[in-house]
N, C-alpha and C. Protein backbone atom coordinates (compact mmCIF):
# COMPACT_ATOMS: atom_id res chain seq x y z
N MET A 1 93.98 99.23 109.94
CA MET A 1 94.88 99.57 108.82
C MET A 1 96.16 100.22 109.35
N LEU A 2 97.27 99.79 108.84
CA LEU A 2 98.54 100.35 109.32
C LEU A 2 98.77 101.72 108.70
N PRO A 3 99.52 102.57 109.37
CA PRO A 3 99.80 103.92 108.86
C PRO A 3 100.63 103.87 107.58
N GLN A 4 100.24 104.68 106.63
CA GLN A 4 100.98 104.70 105.36
C GLN A 4 102.42 105.15 105.56
N GLN A 5 102.64 105.88 106.65
CA GLN A 5 104.00 106.38 106.89
C GLN A 5 105.00 105.23 106.99
N GLN A 6 104.54 104.11 107.56
CA GLN A 6 105.47 103.00 107.74
C GLN A 6 105.91 102.42 106.39
N MET A 7 104.96 101.93 105.62
CA MET A 7 105.33 101.34 104.33
C MET A 7 104.10 101.19 103.45
N PRO A 8 103.75 102.22 102.70
CA PRO A 8 102.58 102.16 101.81
C PRO A 8 102.71 101.06 100.78
N MET A 9 103.95 100.79 100.39
CA MET A 9 104.18 99.75 99.37
C MET A 9 103.68 98.40 99.90
N LYS A 10 104.01 98.11 101.14
CA LYS A 10 103.61 96.83 101.73
C LYS A 10 102.08 96.69 101.72
N ILE A 11 101.42 97.77 102.09
CA ILE A 11 99.95 97.74 102.11
C ILE A 11 99.42 97.54 100.69
N HIS A 12 100.02 98.22 99.76
CA HIS A 12 99.57 98.10 98.37
C HIS A 12 99.70 96.66 97.90
N ASN A 13 100.85 96.06 98.19
CA ASN A 13 101.06 94.67 97.78
C ASN A 13 100.02 93.75 98.43
N TYR A 14 99.73 94.02 99.68
CA TYR A 14 98.75 93.19 100.39
C TYR A 14 97.38 93.30 99.73
N LEU A 15 97.01 94.50 99.38
CA LEU A 15 95.70 94.70 98.73
C LEU A 15 95.69 94.00 97.37
N VAL A 16 96.75 94.11 96.64
CA VAL A 16 96.83 93.48 95.32
C VAL A 16 96.77 91.96 95.48
N SER A 17 97.43 91.45 96.50
CA SER A 17 97.42 89.99 96.73
C SER A 17 96.00 89.52 97.00
N SER A 18 95.26 90.33 97.72
CA SER A 18 93.88 89.95 98.04
C SER A 18 93.09 89.72 96.75
N LEU A 19 93.34 90.56 95.77
CA LEU A 19 92.63 90.42 94.49
C LEU A 19 93.14 89.18 93.77
């Protein structure tokens, strides 16, 4: 998992895309 410091938004979008 990438650090939230970089871009939490990007991670959030990725998780949402998975769904």
